[in-house]
């Protein structure tokens, strides 16, 4: 597994497509309304939206994430880092922020390499 994270609009997807010589057809785009496990493509984009869908559905995020990790050993996972900035006022958004942070830690542990992108510049973390 390969994890790329960073703030919104920092070039994470462009970096992944270029680094791994992929194209848009290789990308699974998560949406916050779908709790189905992402996959079937080489890149899972914005996994944080899947985590939000799980939180809103009251699902066990940790268990779902472990299943995803087991099924996706060769996947490039892209996640928006939502841990910085103003703490959300809504309880569900605070729960999402915590779940996303914990999930990123789990994904990082399971990944062979981890990169943070800032201003389009990748920094290797692991």
C-alpha atoms as a PDB file:
ATOM      1  CA  UNK A   1       0.000   0.000   0.000  1.00  0.00           C
ATOM      2  CA  UNK A   2       1.077   3.570  -0.706  1.00  0.00           C
ATOM      3  CA  UNK A   3      -0.467   6.511   1.213  1.00  0.00           C
ATOM      4  CA  UNK A   4      -0.531  10.097  -0.021  1.00  0.00           C
ATOM      5  CA  UNK A   5      -2.068  12.740   2.233  1.00  0.00           C
ATOM      6  CA  UNK A   6      -2.212  16.506   2.480  1.00  0.00           C
ATOM      7  CA  UNK A   7      -4.582  19.427   2.455  1.00  0.00           C
ATOM      8  CA  UNK A   8      -7.259  19.974  -0.158  1.00  0.00           C
ATOM      9  CA  UNK A   9      -6.117  20.987  -3.635  1.00  0.00           C
ATOM     10  CA  UNK A  10      -2.420  20.320  -3.003  1.00  0.00           C
ATOM     11  CA  UNK A  11      -1.851  18.065  -6.039  1.00  0.00           C
ATOM     12  CA  UNK A  12      -2.161  14.642  -4.408  1.00  0.00           C
ATOM     13  CA  UNK A  13      -3.969  12.956  -7.301  1.00  0.00           C
ATOM     14  CA  UNK A  14      -1.750  14.517  -9.965  1.00  0.00           C
ATOM     15  CA  UNK A  15       1.311  13.297  -8.061  1.00  0.00           C
ATOM     16  CA  UNK A  16      -0.071   9.752  -7.803  1.00  0.00           C
ATOM     17  CA  UNK A  17      -1.006   9.576 -11.478  1.00  0.00           C
ATOM     18  CA  UNK A  18       2.413  10.835 -12.553  1.00  0.00           C
ATOM     19  CA  UNK A  19       4.454   8.763 -10.098  1.00  0.00           C
ATOM     20  CA  UNK A  20       2.741   5.486 -10.981  1.00  0.00           C
ATOM     21  CA  UNK A  21       2.108   6.255 -14.689  1.00  0.00           C
ATOM     22  CA  UNK A  22      -1.665   5.927 -14.261  1.00  0.00           C
ATOM     23  CA  UNK A  23      -4.677   7.748 -15.680  1.00  0.00           C
ATOM     24  CA  UNK A  24      -8.180   8.722 -14.564  1.00  0.00           C
ATOM     25  CA  UNK A  25      -9.533   5.257 -15.441  1.00  0.00           C
ATOM     26  CA  UNK A  26      -7.367   3.855 -12.636  1.00  0.00           C
ATOM     27  CA  UNK A  27      -9.042   6.039  -9.978  1.00  0.00           C
ATOM     28  CA  UNK A  28     -11.868   5.064  -7.631  1.00  0.00           C
ATOM     29  CA  UNK A  29     -13.411   8.294  -6.329  1.00  0.00           C
ATOM     30  CA  UNK A  30     -14.995   8.035  -2.890  1.00  0.00           C
ATOM     31  CA  UNK A  31     -18.157   9.996  -2.180  1.00  0.00           C
ATOM     32  CA  UNK A  32     -19.520  10.810   1.246  1.00  0.00           C
ATOM     33  CA  UNK A  33     -22.894   9.202   0.503  1.00  0.00           C
ATOM     34  CA  UNK A  34     -21.519   5.697  -0.188  1.00  0.00           C
ATOM     35  CA  UNK A  35     -20.511   3.279   2.582  1.00  0.00           C
ATOM     36  CA  UNK A  36     -19.582   0.483   0.146  1.00  0.00           C
ATOM     37  CA  UNK A  37     -15.949  -0.525   0.375  1.00  0.00           C
ATOM     38  CA  UNK A  38     -13.833   1.396  -2.136  1.00  0.00           C
ATOM     39  CA  UNK A  39     -11.684  -0.529  -4.541  1.00  0.00           C
ATOM     40  CA  UNK A  40     -11.405  -2.235  -7.871  1.00  0.00           C
ATOM     41  CA  UNK A  41      -8.949   0.368  -9.137  1.00  0.00           C
ATOM     42  CA  UNK A  42      -5.281   1.126  -8.521  1.00  0.00           C
ATOM     43  CA  UNK A  43      -5.996   4.442  -6.749  1.00  0.00           C
ATOM     44  CA  UNK A  44      -8.566   5.166  -4.045  1.00  0.00           C
ATOM     45  CA  UNK A  45      -9.086   8.934  -4.027  1.00  0.00           C
ATOM     46  CA  UNK A  46     -10.401  10.907  -1.036  1.00  0.00           C
ATOM     47  CA  UNK A  47     -10.833   7.961   1.302  1.00  0.00           C
ATOM     48  CA  UNK A  48     -11.750  10.550   3.942  1.00  0.00           C
ATOM     49  CA  UNK A  49     -15.163  10.851   2.214  1.00  0.00           C
ATOM     50  CA  UNK A  50     -15.739   7.119   2.656  1.00  0.00           C
ATOM     51  CA  UNK A  51     -14.841   7.505   6.324  1.00  0.00           C
ATOM     52  CA  UNK A  52     -17.406  10.316   6.613  1.00  0.00           C
ATOM     53  CA  UNK A  53     -20.064   8.068   5.064  1.00  0.00           C
ATOM     54  CA  UNK A  54     -19.225   5.356   7.608  1.00  0.00           C
ATOM     55  CA  UNK A  55     -19.391   7.803  10.521  1.00  0.00           C
ATOM     56  CA  UNK A  56     -22.761   9.134   9.367  1.00  0.00           C
ATOM     57  CA  UNK A  57     -24.070   5.568   9.009  1.00  0.00           C
ATOM     58  CA  UNK A  58     -22.918   4.672  12.527  1.00  0.00           C
ATOM     59  CA  UNK A  59     -20.627   1.956  11.142  1.00  0.00           C
ATOM     60  CA  UNK A  60     -17.512   0.595  12.824  1.00  0.00           C
ATOM     61  CA  UNK A  61     -14.885   2.629  10.957  1.00  0.00           C
ATOM     62  CA  UNK A  62     -11.938   0.694  12.381  1.00  0.00           C
ATOM     63  CA  UNK A  63     -13.352  -2.686  11.339  1.00  0.00           C
ATOM     64  CA  UNK A  64     -14.243  -1.428   7.862  1.00  0.00           C
ATOM     65  CA  UNK A  65     -10.787   0.076   7.448  1.00  0.00           C
ATOM     66  CA  UNK A  66      -9.094  -3.182   8.478  1.00  0.00           C
ATOM     67  CA  UNK A  67     -11.102  -5.023   5.803  1.00  0.00           C
ATOM     68  CA  UNK A  68     -10.092  -2.395   3.257  1.00  0.00           C
ATOM     69  CA  UNK A  69      -6.401  -2.705   4.207  1.00  0.00           C
ATOM     70  CA  UNK A  70      -6.507  -6.501   3.902  1.00  0.00           C
ATOM     71  CA  UNK A  71      -8.177  -6.335   0.480  1.00  0.00           C
ATOM     72  CA  UNK A  72      -6.023  -3.516  -0.913  1.00  0.00           C
ATOM     73  CA  UNK A  73      -2.324  -4.295  -0.384  1.00  0.00           C
ATOM     74  CA  UNK A  74      -1.209  -2.791  -3.718  1.00  0.00           C
ATOM     75  CA  UNK A  75      -3.470   0.258  -3.712  1.00  0.00           C
ATOM     76  CA  UNK A  76      -2.467   3.917  -3.775  1.00  0.00           C
ATOM     77  CA  UNK A  77      -4.639   5.609  -1.134  1.00  0.00           C
ATOM     78  CA  UNK A  78      -5.165   9.363  -1.189  1.00  0.00           C
ATOM     79  CA  UNK A  79      -6.573  11.144   1.851  1.00  0.00           C
ATOM     80  CA  UNK A  80      -7.278  14.779   2.620  1.00  0.00           C
ATOM     81  CA  UNK A  81      -5.726  15.756   5.925  1.00  0.00           C
ATOM     82  CA  UNK A  82      -8.659  17.253   7.820  1.00  0.00           C
ATOM     83  CA  UNK A  83      -6.875  17.303  11.163  1.00  0.00           C
ATOM     84  CA  UNK A  84      -5.582  20.854  10.805  1.00  0.00           C
ATOM     85  CA  UNK A  85      -7.597  24.012  11.167  1.00  0.00           C
ATOM     86  CA  UNK A  86     -10.672  24.920  13.150  1.00  0.00           C
ATOM     87  CA  UNK A  87     -12.304  22.168  15.192  1.00  0.00           C
ATOM     88  CA  UNK A  88     -15.804  21.580  13.780  1.00  0.00           C
ATOM     89  CA  UNK A  89     -18.774  22.593  15.930  1.00  0.00           C
ATOM     90  CA  UNK A  90     -20.986  19.648  14.981  1.00  0.00           C
ATOM     91  CA  UNK A  91     -20.531  16.407  16.903  1.00  0.00           C
ATOM     92  CA  UNK A  92     -20.663  14.294  13.740  1.00  0.00           C
ATOM     93  CA  UNK A  93     -17.951  16.410  12.101  1.00  0.00           C
ATOM     94  CA  UNK A  94     -15.737  16.127  15.194  1.00  0.00           C
ATOM     95  CA  UNK A  95     -16.278  12.365  15.163  1.00  0.00           C
ATOM     96  CA  UNK A  96     -15.344  12.301  11.466  1.00  0.00           C
ATOM     97  CA  UNK A  97     -12.198  14.315  12.121  1.00  0.00           C
ATOM     98  CA  UNK A  98     -11.119  11.881  14.826  1.00  0.00           C
ATOM     99  CA  UNK A  99     -11.991   8.817  12.732  1.00  0.00           C
ATOM    100  CA  UNK A 100     -10.107  10.218   9.737  1.00  0.00           C
ATOM    101  CA  UNK A 101      -7.016  10.913  11.838  1.00  0.00           C
ATOM    102  CA  UNK A 102      -7.025   7.456  13.386  1.00  0.00           C
ATOM    103  CA  UNK A 103      -7.630   5.909   9.957  1.00  0.00           C
ATOM    104  CA  UNK A 104      -4.690   7.785   8.451  1.00  0.00           C
ATOM    105  CA  UNK A 105      -2.484   6.405  11.234  1.00  0.00           C
ATOM    106  CA  UNK A 106      -3.670   2.858  10.452  1.00  0.00           C
ATOM    107  CA  UNK A 107      -3.170   3.372   6.721  1.00  0.00           C
ATOM    108  CA  UNK A 108       0.327   4.732   7.349  1.00  0.00           C
ATOM    109  CA  UNK A 109       1.240   1.684   9.436  1.00  0.00           C
ATOM    110  CA  UNK A 110       0.012  -0.608   6.655  1.00  0.00           C
ATOM    111  CA  UNK A 111       1.740   1.340   3.881  1.00  0.00           C
ATOM    112  CA  UNK A 112       5.148   0.667   2.409  1.00  0.00           C
ATOM    113  CA  UNK A 113       5.575   4.369   1.684  1.00  0.00           C
ATOM    114  CA  UNK A 114       3.818   7.500   2.932  1.00  0.00           C
ATOM    115  CA  UNK A 115       4.036  10.933   1.326  1.00  0.00           C
ATOM    116  CA  UNK A 116       2.638  14.295   2.401  1.00  0.00           C
ATOM    117  CA  UNK A 117       1.965  16.811  -0.326  1.00  0.00           C
ATOM    118  CA  UNK A 118       2.097  20.527   0.369  1.00  0.00           C
ATOM    119  CA  UNK A 119       1.935  23.089  -2.450  1.00  0.00           C
ATOM    120  CA  UNK A 120       2.403  20.233  -4.901  1.00  0.00           C
ATOM    121  CA  UNK A 121       5.696  19.199  -3.314  1.00  0.00           C
ATOM    122  CA  UNK A 122       5.896  15.638  -1.978  1.00  0.00           C
ATOM    123  CA  UNK A 123       7.732  14.936   1.263  1.00  0.00           C
ATOM    124  CA  UNK A 124       8.476  11.326   2.117  1.00  0.00           C
ATOM    125  CA  UNK A 125       7.300  10.508   5.650  1.00  0.00           C
ATOM    126  CA  UNK A 126       7.901   6.766   5.560  1.00  0.00           C
END
